[in-house]
Amino acid sequence: MVDNKYNGWTNYATWRVNLEMFDGDYEILEGYNAETLKSIVEEMLEQDNDNATTLSYALAFISDVNWYEIAQHINRDNAGAVIGIDAEILTPVFDDIA
């Protein structure tokens, strides 16, 4: 079995989408679930792309994204900020929820 983890994330696609689409905007995404985050990215790609071939490649790329991991990460970071603790302390709690 090949381990495809990338920078601590499930894979490159998950890391890259989080970095490019969500990193730093966690406050406005608090409480969003995996399906909502996926829909947001799909809509962004569709709005910014008039080329059907390019869009199909982009959609194929995001099909490898672990949306649950990104949602968990966003909500864990927001919860830590709200109660004033390091988000890593909350990791076991949020791991049980996913």
PDB file of N, CA and C in Angstrom:
ATOM      1  N   MET A   1       0.840  -1.182   0.000  1.00  0.00           N
ATOM      2  CA  MET A   1       0.000   0.000   0.000  1.00  0.00           C
ATOM      3  C   MET A   1       0.885   1.245   0.000  1.00  0.00           C
ATOM      4  N   VAL A   2       0.565   2.182  -0.851  1.00  0.00           N
ATOM      5  CA  VAL A   2       1.346   3.404  -0.986  1.00  0.00           C
ATOM      6  C   VAL A   2       0.742   4.490  -0.104  1.00  0.00           C
ATOM      7  N   ASP A   3       1.600   5.165   0.651  1.00  0.00           N
ATOM      8  CA  ASP A   3       1.165   6.278   1.485  1.00  0.00           C
ATOM      9  C   ASP A   3       1.285   7.558   0.677  1.00  0.00           C
ATOM     10  N   ASN A   4       0.144   8.193   0.376  1.00  0.00           N
ATOM     11  CA  ASN A   4       0.134   9.392  -0.451  1.00  0.00           C
ATOM     12  C   ASN A   4       0.019  10.675   0.362  1.00  0.00           C
ATOM     13  N   LYS A   5       0.262  10.617   1.659  1.00  0.00           N
ATOM     14  CA  LYS A   5       0.136  11.813   2.495  1.00  0.00           C
ATOM     15  C   LYS A   5       1.050  12.914   1.977  1.00  0.00           C
ATOM     16  N   TYR A   6       0.586  14.161   2.168  1.00  0.00           N
ATOM     17  CA  TYR A   6       1.343  15.311   1.702  1.00  0.00           C
ATOM     18  C   TYR A   6       1.257  16.415   2.744  1.00  0.00           C
ATOM     19  N   ASN A   7       2.388  16.796   3.303  1.00  0.00           N
ATOM     20  CA  ASN A   7       2.458  17.850   4.324  1.00  0.00           C
ATOM     21  C   ASN A   7       1.464  17.625   5.459  1.00  0.00           C
ATOM     22  N   GLY A   8       1.256  16.379   5.840  1.00  0.00           N
ATOM     23  CA  GLY A   8       0.351  16.051   6.928  1.00  0.00           C
ATOM     24  C   GLY A   8      -1.106  15.898   6.522  1.00  0.00           C
ATOM     25  N   TRP A   9      -1.426  16.108   5.264  1.00  0.00           N
ATOM     26  CA  TRP A   9      -2.789  15.982   4.757  1.00  0.00           C
ATOM     27  C   TRP A   9      -2.954  14.632   4.062  1.00  0.00           C
ATOM     28  N   THR A  10      -4.168  14.239   3.816  1.00  0.00           N
ATOM     29  CA  THR A  10      -4.471  12.968   3.165  1.00  0.00           C
ATOM     30  C   THR A  10      -3.691  12.786   1.869  1.00  0.00           C
ATOM     31  N   ASN A  11      -3.631  13.831   1.049  1.00  0.00           N
ATOM     32  CA  ASN A  11      -2.943  13.761  -0.237  1.00  0.00           C
ATOM     33  C   ASN A  11      -2.658  15.177  -0.738  1.00  0.00           C
ATOM     34  N   TYR A  12      -2.001  15.262  -1.868  1.00  0.00           N
ATOM     35  CA  TYR A  12      -1.644  16.558  -2.449  1.00  0.00           C
ATOM     36  C   TYR A  12      -2.875  17.391  -2.772  1.00  0.00           C
ATOM     37  N   ALA A  13      -3.904  16.778  -3.337  1.00  0.00           N
ATOM     38  CA  ALA A  13      -5.102  17.524  -3.730  1.00  0.00           C
ATOM     39  C   ALA A  13      -5.767  18.175  -2.520  1.00  0.00           C
ATOM     40  N   THR A  14      -5.849  17.451  -1.423  1.00  0.00           N
ATOM     41  CA  THR A  14      -6.467  17.992  -0.209  1.00  0.00           C
ATOM     42  C   THR A  14      -5.654  19.158   0.325  1.00  0.00           C
ATOM     43  N   TRP A  15      -4.350  18.971   0.404  1.00  0.00           N
ATOM     44  CA  TRP A  15      -3.471  20.044   0.881  1.00  0.00           C
ATOM     45  C   TRP A  15      -3.587  21.275  -0.007  1.00  0.00           C
ATOM     46  N   ARG A  16      -3.535  21.076  -1.310  1.00  0.00           N
ATOM     47  CA  ARG A  16      -3.526  22.194  -2.260  1.00  0.00           C
ATOM     48  C   ARG A  16      -4.844  22.961  -2.268  1.00  0.00           C
ATOM     49  N   VAL A  17      -5.971  22.252  -2.236  1.00  0.00           N
ATOM     50  CA  VAL A  17      -7.266  22.931  -2.225  1.00  0.00           C
ATOM     51  C   VAL A  17      -7.426  23.716  -0.927  1.00  0.00           C
ATOM     52  N   ASN A  18      -7.041  23.137   0.199  1.00  0.00           N
ATOM     53  CA  ASN A  18      -7.119  23.877   1.454  1.00  0.00           C
ATOM     54  C   ASN A  18      -6.252  25.128   1.387  1.00  0.00           C
ATOM     55  N   LEU A  19      -5.050  24.988   0.892  1.00  0.00           N
ATOM     56  CA  LEU A  19      -4.119  26.106   0.806  1.00  0.00           C
ATOM     57  C   LEU A  19      -4.621  27.193  -0.141  1.00  0.00           C
ATOM     58  N   GLU A  20      -5.054  26.810  -1.322  1.00  0.00           N
ATOM     59  CA  GLU A  20      -5.420  27.782  -2.355  1.00  0.00           C
ATOM     60  C   GLU A  20      -6.827  28.355  -2.190  1.00  0.00           C
ATOM     61  N   MET A  21      -7.738  27.572  -1.664  1.00  0.00           N
ATOM     62  CA  MET A  21      -9.136  28.003  -1.635  1.00  0.00           C
ATOM     63  C   MET A  21      -9.616  28.469  -0.261  1.00  0.00           C
ATOM     64  N   PHE A  22      -9.027  27.942   0.816  1.00  0.00           N
ATOM     65  CA  PHE A  22      -9.588  28.220   2.140  1.00  0.00           C
ATOM     66  C   PHE A  22      -8.617  28.816   3.142  1.00  0.00           C
ATOM     67  N   ASP A  23      -7.344  28.613   2.992  1.00  0.00           N
ATOM     68  CA  ASP A  23      -6.378  29.017   4.004  1.00  0.00           C
ATOM     69  C   ASP A  23      -6.520  30.495   4.359  1.00  0.00           C
ATOM     70  N   GLY A  24      -6.734  30.761   5.630  1.00  0.00           N
ATOM     71  CA  GLY A  24      -6.853  32.130   6.103  1.00  0.00           C
ATOM     72  C   GLY A  24      -8.266  32.665   6.120  1.00  0.00           C
ATOM     73  N   ASP A  25      -9.202  31.982   5.492  1.00  0.00           N
ATOM     74  CA  ASP A  25     -10.601  32.433   5.462  1.00  0.00           C
ATOM     75  C   ASP A  25     -11.480  31.584   6.370  1.00  0.00           C
ATOM     76  N   TYR A  26     -10.906  30.999   7.399  1.00  0.00           N
ATOM     77  CA  TYR A  26     -11.640  30.059   8.234  1.00  0.00           C
ATOM     78  C   TYR A  26     -12.811  30.688   8.987  1.00  0.00           C
ATOM     79  N   GLU A  27     -12.683  31.958   9.354  1.00  0.00           N
ATOM     80  CA  GLU A  27     -13.743  32.587  10.147  1.00  0.00           C
ATOM     81  C   GLU A  27     -15.075  32.574   9.402  1.00  0.00           C
ATOM     82  N   ILE A  28     -15.047  32.831   8.117  1.00  0.00           N
ATOM     83  CA  ILE A  28     -16.295  32.885   7.352  1.00  0.00           C
ATOM     84  C   ILE A  28     -16.829  31.495   7.010  1.00  0.00           C
ATOM     85  N   LEU A  29     -16.033  30.469   7.240  1.00  0.00           N
ATOM     86  CA  LEU A  29     -16.425  29.104   6.897  1.00  0.00           C
ATOM     87  C   LEU A  29     -16.821  28.281   8.115  1.00  0.00           C
ATOM     88  N   GLU A  30     -16.830  28.892   9.279  1.00  0.00           N
ATOM     89  CA  GLU A  30     -17.110  28.149  10.504  1.00  0.00           C
ATOM     90  C   GLU A  30     -18.440  27.418  10.411  1.00  0.00           C
ATOM     91  N   GLY A  31     -18.431  26.161  10.761  1.00  0.00           N
ATOM     92  CA  GLY A  31     -19.638  25.353  10.763  1.00  0.00           C
ATOM     93  C   GLY A  31     -19.978  24.725   9.416  1.00  0.00           C
ATOM     94  N   TYR A  32     -19.203  24.998   8.386  1.00  0.00           N
ATOM     95  CA  TYR A  32     -19.473  24.408   7.082  1.00  0.00           C
ATOM     96  C   TYR A  32     -19.088  22.934   7.097  1.00  0.00           C
ATOM     97  N   ASN A  33     -19.868  22.128   6.398  1.00  0.00           N
ATOM     98  CA  ASN A  33     -19.545  20.710   6.321  1.00  0.00           C
ATOM     99  C   ASN A  33     -18.825  20.409   5.003  1.00  0.00           C
ATOM    100  N   ALA A  34     -18.440  19.160   4.851  1.00  0.00           N
ATOM    101  CA  ALA A  34     -17.653  18.735   3.692  1.00  0.00           C
ATOM    102  C   ALA A  34     -18.383  18.994   2.373  1.00  0.00           C
ATOM    103  N   GLU A  35     -19.659  18.674   2.314  1.00  0.00           N
ATOM    104  CA  GLU A  35     -20.414  18.852   1.071  1.00  0.00           C
ATOM    105  C   GLU A  35     -20.523  20.321   0.681  1.00  0.00           C
ATOM    106  N   THR A  36     -20.689  21.189   1.661  1.00  0.00           N
ATOM    107  CA  THR A  36     -20.783  22.617   1.379  1.00  0.00           C
ATOM    108  C   THR A  36     -19.455  23.152   0.861  1.00  0.00           C
ATOM    109  N   LEU A  37     -18.365  22.735   1.475  1.00  0.00           N
ATOM    110  CA  LEU A  37     -17.044  23.179   1.013  1.00  0.00           C
ATOM    111  C   LEU A  37     -16.790  22.721  -0.420  1.00  0.00           C
ATOM    112  N   LYS A  38     -17.157  21.488  -0.723  1.00  0.00           N
ATOM    113  CA  LYS A  38     -16.993  20.971  -2.083  1.00  0.00           C
ATOM    114  C   LYS A  38     -17.818  21.796  -3.071  1.00  0.00           C
ATOM    115  N   SER A  39     -19.047  22.111  -2.715  1.00  0.00           N
ATOM    116  CA  SER A  39     -19.908  22.920  -3.585  1.00  0.00           C
ATOM    117  C   SER A  39     -19.331  24.309  -3.818  1.00  0.00           C
ATOM    118  N   ILE A  40     -18.757  24.893  -2.782  1.00  0.00           N
ATOM    119  CA  ILE A  40     -18.139  26.222  -2.910  1.00  0.00           C
ATOM    120  C   ILE A  40     -17.019  26.191  -3.944  1.00  0.00           C
ATOM    121  N   VAL A  41     -16.162  25.181  -3.846  1.00  0.00           N
ATOM    122  CA  VAL A  41     -15.031  25.081  -4.775  1.00  0.00           C
ATOM    123  C   VAL A  41     -15.523  24.796  -6.190  1.00  0.00           C
ATOM    124  N   GLU A  42     -16.479  23.902  -6.348  1.00  0.00           N
ATOM    125  CA  GLU A  42     -17.018  23.610  -7.676  1.00  0.00           C
ATOM    126  C   GLU A  42     -17.604  24.866  -8.315  1.00  0.00           C
ATOM    127  N   GLU A  43     -18.342  25.637  -7.549  1.00  0.00           N
ATOM    128  CA  GLU A  43     -18.919  26.876  -8.080  1.00  0.00           C
ATOM    129  C   GLU A  43     -17.833  27.874  -8.470  1.00  0.00           C
ATOM    130  N   MET A  44     -16.799  27.985  -7.645  1.00  0.00           N
ATOM    131  CA  MET A  44     -15.690  28.886  -7.965  1.00  0.00           C
ATOM    132  C   MET A  44     -15.026  28.472  -9.270  1.00  0.00           C
ATOM    133  N   LEU A  45     -14.798  27.190  -9.447  1.00  0.00           N
ATOM    134  CA  LEU A  45     -14.159  26.702 -10.661  1.00  0.00           C
ATOM    135  C   LEU A  45     -15.028  26.945 -11.886  1.00  0.00           C
ATOM    136  N   GLU A  46     -16.306  26.718 -11.745  1.00  0.00           N
ATOM    137  CA  GLU A  46     -17.226  26.909 -12.869  1.00  0.00           C
ATOM    138  C   GLU A  46     -17.353  28.375 -13.256  1.00  0.00           C
ATOM    139  N   GLN A  47     -17.341  29.267 -12.276  1.00  0.00           N
ATOM    140  CA  GLN A  47     -17.459  30.693 -12.558  1.00  0.00           C
ATOM    141  C   GLN A  47     -16.212  31.250 -13.220  1.00  0.00           C
ATOM    142  N   ASP A  48     -15.061  30.749 -12.833  1.00  0.00           N
ATOM    143  CA  ASP A  48     -13.793  31.294 -13.307  1.00  0.00           C
ATOM    144  C   ASP A  48     -13.247  30.595 -14.541  1.00  0.00           C
ATOM    145  N   ASN A  49     -14.043  29.728 -15.169  1.00  0.00           N
ATOM    146  CA  ASN A  49     -13.496  28.922 -16.244  1.00  0.00           C
ATOM    147  C   ASN A  49     -14.494  28.772 -17.395  1.00  0.00           C
ATOM    148  N   ASP A  50     -14.123  29.289 -18.546  1.00  0.00           N
ATOM    149  CA  ASP A  50     -14.968  29.165 -19.737  1.00  0.00           C
ATOM    150  C   ASP A  50     -14.549  27.997 -20.626  1.00  0.00           C
ATOM    151  N   ASN A  51     -13.440  27.367 -20.317  1.00  0.00           N
ATOM    152  CA  ASN A  51     -12.915  26.281 -21.123  1.00  0.00           C
ATOM    153  C   ASN A  51     -13.366  24.941 -20.540  1.00  0.00           C
ATOM    154  N   ALA A  52     -14.166  24.196 -21.282  1.00  0.00           N
ATOM    155  CA  ALA A  52     -14.727  22.935 -20.789  1.00  0.00           C
ATOM    156  C   ALA A  52     -13.649  21.904 -20.460  1.00  0.00           C
ATOM    157  N   THR A  53     -12.600  21.867 -21.248  1.00  0.00           N
ATOM    158  CA  THR A  53     -11.529  20.897 -21.000  1.00  0.00           C
ATOM    159  C   THR A  53     -10.790  21.213 -19.707  1.00  0.00           C
ATOM    160  N   THR A  54     -10.464  22.475 -19.529  1.00  0.00           N
ATOM    161  CA  THR A  54      -9.775  22.889 -18.304  1.00  0.00           C
ATOM    162  C   THR A  54     -10.652  22.635 -17.088  1.00  0.00           C
ATOM    163  N   LEU A  55     -11.933  22.948 -17.204  1.00  0.00           N
ATOM    164  CA  LEU A  55     -12.863  22.707 -16.107  1.00  0.00           C
ATOM    165  C   LEU A  55     -12.929  21.226 -15.773  1.00  0.00           C
ATOM    166  N   SER A  56     -12.971  20.377 -16.776  1.00  0.00           N
ATOM    167  CA  SER A  56     -13.051  18.940 -16.496  1.00  0.00           C
ATOM    168  C   SER A  56     -11.801  18.435 -15.786  1.00  0.00           C
ATOM    169  N   TYR A  57     -10.628  18.969 -16.149  1.00  0.00           N
ATOM    170  CA  TYR A  57      -9.399  18.600 -15.445  1.00  0.00           C
ATOM    171  C   TYR A  57      -9.431  19.085 -14.001  1.00  0.00           C
ATOM    172  N   ALA A  58      -9.913  20.299 -13.795  1.00  0.00           N
ATOM    173  CA  ALA A  58      -9.993  20.846 -12.436  1.00  0.00           C
ATOM    174  C   ALA A  58     -10.958  20.029 -11.580  1.00  0.00           C
ATOM    175  N   LEU A  59     -12.096  19.671 -12.132  1.00  0.00           N
ATOM    176  CA  LEU A  59     -13.062  18.863 -11.390  1.00  0.00           C
ATOM    177  C   LEU A  59     -12.518  17.464 -11.103  1.00  0.00           C
ATOM    178  N   ALA A  60     -11.760  16.914 -12.031  1.00  0.00           N
ATOM    179  CA  ALA A  60     -11.133  15.614 -11.794  1.00  0.00           C
ATOM    180  C   ALA A  60     -10.107  15.718 -10.663  1.00  0.00           C
ATOM    181  N   PHE A  61      -9.360  16.815 -10.630  1.00  0.00           N
ATOM    182  CA  PHE A  61      -8.370  17.025  -9.570  1.00  0.00           C
ATOM    183  C   PHE A  61      -9.048  17.083  -8.209  1.00  0.00           C
ATOM    184  N   ILE A  62     -10.134  17.845  -8.104  1.00  0.00           N
ATOM    185  CA  ILE A  62     -10.767  17.980  -6.789  1.00  0.00           C
ATOM    186  C   ILE A  62     -11.546  16.736  -6.373  1.00  0.00           C
ATOM    187  N   SER A  63     -11.709  15.789  -7.282  1.00  0.00           N
ATOM    188  CA  SER A  63     -12.385  14.547  -6.891  1.00  0.00           C
ATOM    189  C   SER A  63     -11.535  13.737  -5.907  1.00  0.00           C
ATOM    190  N   ASP A  64     -10.239  14.036  -5.828  1.00  0.00           N
ATOM    191  CA  ASP A  64      -9.359  13.348  -4.896  1.00  0.00           C
ATOM    192  C   ASP A  64      -9.282  14.028  -3.534  1.00  0.00           C
ATOM    193  N   VAL A  65      -9.950  15.157  -3.380  1.00  0.00           N
ATOM    194  CA  VAL A  65      -9.873  15.920  -2.137  1.00  0.00           C
ATOM    195  C   VAL A  65     -10.646  15.218  -1.022  1.00  0.00           C
ATOM    196  N   ASN A  66     -10.061  15.206   0.158  1.00  0.00           N
ATOM    197  CA  ASN A  66     -10.737  14.714   1.348  1.00  0.00           C
ATOM    198  C   ASN A  66     -11.444  15.913   1.986  1.00  0.00           C
ATOM    199  N   TRP A  67     -12.671  16.154   1.569  1.00  0.00           N
ATOM    200  CA  TRP A  67     -13.446  17.317   2.014  1.00  0.00           C
ATOM    201  C   TRP A  67     -13.729  17.259   3.506  1.00  0.00           C
ATOM    202  N   TYR A  68     -13.883  16.065   4.048  1.00  0.00           N
ATOM    203  CA  TYR A  68     -14.125  15.912   5.487  1.00  0.00           C
ATOM    204  C   TYR A  68     -12.914  16.387   6.292  1.00  0.00           C
ATOM    205  N   GLU A  69     -11.731  16.104   5.792  1.00  0.00           N
ATOM    206  CA  GLU A  69     -10.524  16.542   6.480  1.00  0.00           C
ATOM    207  C   GLU A  69     -10.430  18.075   6.497  1.00  0.00           C
ATOM    208  N   ILE A  70     -10.749  18.711   5.392  1.00  0.00           N
ATOM    209  CA  ILE A  70     -10.707  20.178   5.339  1.00  0.00           C
ATOM    210  C   ILE A  70     -11.766  20.763   6.269  1.00  0.00           C
ATOM    211  N   ALA A  71     -12.976  20.247   6.251  1.00  0.00           N
ATOM    212  CA  ALA A  71     -14.037  20.745   7.131  1.00  0.00           C
ATOM    213  C   ALA A  71     -13.642  20.578   8.593  1.00  0.00           C
ATOM    214  N   GLN A  72     -13.074  19.438   8.914  1.00  0.00           N
ATOM    215  CA  GLN A  72     -12.627  19.172  10.274  1.00  0.00           C
ATOM    216  C   GLN A  72     -11.541  20.163  10.680  1.00  0.00           C
ATOM    217  N   HIS A  73     -10.615  20.403   9.798  1.00  0.00           N
ATOM    218  CA  HIS A  73      -9.523  21.337  10.061  1.00  0.00           C
ATOM    219  C   HIS A  73     -10.052  22.755  10.295  1.00  0.00           C
ATOM    220  N   ILE A  74     -10.951  23.200   9.441  1.00  0.00           N
ATOM    221  CA  ILE A  74     -11.520  24.545   9.566  1.00  0.00           C
ATOM    222  C   ILE A  74     -12.284  24.685  10.876  1.00  0.00           C
ATOM    223  N   ASN A  75     -13.133  23.727  11.174  1.00  0.00           N
ATOM    224  CA  ASN A  75     -13.948  23.815  12.385  1.00  0.00           C
ATOM    225  C   ASN A  75     -13.117  23.665  13.650  1.00  0.00           C
ATOM    226  N   ARG A  76     -12.076  22.854  13.614  1.00  0.00           N
ATOM    227  CA  ARG A  76     -11.181  22.710  14.765  1.00  0.00           C
ATOM    228  C   ARG A  76     -10.427  24.009  15.007  1.00  0.00           C
ATOM    229  N   ASP A  77      -9.918  24.639  13.946  1.00  0.00           N
ATOM    230  CA  ASP A  77      -9.201  25.901  14.101  1.00  0.00           C
ATOM    231  C   ASP A  77     -10.116  26.992  14.637  1.00  0.00           C
ATOM    232  N   ASN A  78     -11.350  27.048  14.147  1.00  0.00           N
ATOM    233  CA  ASN A  78     -12.300  28.045  14.637  1.00  0.00           C
ATOM    234  C   ASN A  78     -12.659  27.806  16.087  1.00  0.00           C
ATOM    235  N   ALA A  79     -12.865  26.557  16.459  1.00  0.00           N
ATOM    236  CA  ALA A  79     -13.213  26.248  17.847  1.00  0.00           C
ATOM    237  C   ALA A  79     -12.073  26.637  18.780  1.00  0.00           C
ATOM    238  N   GLY A  80     -10.849  26.365  18.365  1.00  0.00           N
ATOM    239  CA  GLY A  80      -9.698  26.747  19.186  1.00  0.00           C
ATOM    240  C   GLY A  80      -9.592  28.249  19.352  1.00  0.00           C
ATOM    241  N   ALA A  81      -9.861  28.997  18.300  1.00  0.00           N
ATOM    242  CA  ALA A  81      -9.788  30.456  18.362  1.00  0.00           C
ATOM    243  C   ALA A  81     -10.871  31.020  19.272  1.00  0.00           C
ATOM    244  N   VAL A  82     -12.054  30.431  19.232  1.00  0.00           N
ATOM    245  CA  VAL A  82     -13.166  30.929  20.037  1.00  0.00           C
ATOM    246  C   VAL A  82     -12.889  30.756  21.523  1.00  0.00           C
ATOM    247  N   ILE A  83     -12.344  29.608  21.901  1.00  0.00           N
ATOM    248  CA  ILE A  83     -12.116  29.375  23.331  1.00  0.00           C
ATOM    249  C   ILE A  83     -10.688  29.702  23.755  1.00  0.00           C
ATOM    250  N   GLY A  84      -9.876  30.172  22.814  1.00  0.00           N
ATOM    251  CA  GLY A  84      -8.547  30.659  23.138  1.00  0.00           C
ATOM    252  C   GLY A  84      -7.511  29.602  23.459  1.00  0.00           C
ATOM    253  N   ILE A  85      -7.595  28.447  22.803  1.00  0.00           N
ATOM    254  CA  ILE A  85      -6.578  27.425  23.012  1.00  0.00           C
ATOM    255  C   ILE A  85      -6.014  26.993  21.666  1.00  0.00           C
ATOM    256  N   ASP A  86      -4.898  26.309  21.728  1.00  0.00           N
ATOM    257  CA  ASP A  86      -4.262  25.787  20.529  1.00  0.00           C
ATOM    258  C   ASP A  86      -5.168  24.731  19.894  1.00  0.00           C
ATOM    259  N   ALA A  87      -5.420  24.869  18.605  1.00  0.00           N
ATOM    260  CA  ALA A  87      -6.325  23.955  17.903  1.00  0.00           C
ATOM    261  C   ALA A  87      -5.849  22.515  17.969  1.00  0.00           C
ATOM    262  N   GLU A  88      -4.553  22.273  18.098  1.00  0.00           N
ATOM    263  CA  GLU A  88      -4.044  20.899  18.142  1.00  0.00           C
ATOM    264  C   GLU A  88      -4.559  20.147  19.360  1.00  0.00           C
ATOM    265  N   ILE A  89      -4.880  20.855  20.440  1.00  0.00           N
ATOM    266  CA  ILE A  89      -5.426  20.207  21.624  1.00  0.00           C
ATOM    267  C   ILE A  89      -6.790  19.599  21.310  1.00  0.00           C
ATOM    268  N   LEU A  90      -7.521  20.216  20.388  1.00  0.00           N
ATOM    269  CA  LEU A  90      -8.854  19.739  20.034  1.00  0.00           C
ATOM    270  C   LEU A  90      -8.842  18.612  19.014  1.00  0.00           C
ATOM    271  N   THR A  91      -7.698  18.266  18.483  1.00  0.00           N
ATOM    272  CA  THR A  91      -7.624  17.256  17.430  1.00  0.00           C
ATOM    273  C   THR A  91      -8.309  15.946  17.811  1.00  0.00           C
ATOM    274  N   PRO A  92      -8.049  15.367  18.993  1.00  0.00           N
ATOM    275  CA  PRO A  92      -8.730  14.102  19.309  1.00  0.00           C
ATOM    276  C   PRO A  92     -10.253  14.233  19.343  1.00  0.00           C
ATOM    277  N   VAL A  93     -10.759  15.360  19.811  1.00  0.00           N
ATOM    278  CA  VAL A  93     -12.208  15.576  19.866  1.00  0.00           C
ATOM    279  C   VAL A  93     -12.785  15.596  18.464  1.00  0.00           C
ATOM    280  N   PHE A  94     -12.178  16.347  17.559  1.00  0.00           N
ATOM    281  CA  PHE A  94     -12.695  16.462  16.210  1.00  0.00           C
ATOM    282  C   PHE A  94     -12.426  15.211  15.389  1.00  0.00           C
ATOM    283  N   ASP A  95     -11.406  14.453  15.711  1.00  0.00           N
ATOM    284  CA  ASP A  95     -11.155  13.197  15.008  1.00  0.00           C
ATOM    285  C   ASP A  95     -12.287  12.208  15.270  1.00  0.00           C
ATOM    286  N   ASP A  96     -12.842  12.237  16.477  1.00  0.00           N
ATOM    287  CA  ASP A  96     -13.947  11.351  16.809  1.00  0.00           C
ATOM    288  C   ASP A  96     -15.218  11.712  16.062  1.00  0.00           C
ATOM    289  N   ILE A  97     -15.392  13.005  15.733  1.00  0.00           N
ATOM    290  CA  ILE A  97     -16.586  13.479  15.052  1.00  0.00           C
ATOM    291  C   ILE A  97     -16.579  13.101  13.574  1.00  0.00           C
ATOM    292  N   ALA A  98     -15.408  13.138  12.940  1.00  0.00           N
ATOM    293  CA  ALA A  98     -15.298  12.846  11.513  1.00  0.00           C
ATOM    294  C   ALA A  98     -15.665  11.430  11.265  1.00  0.00           C
TER     295      ALA A  98
END
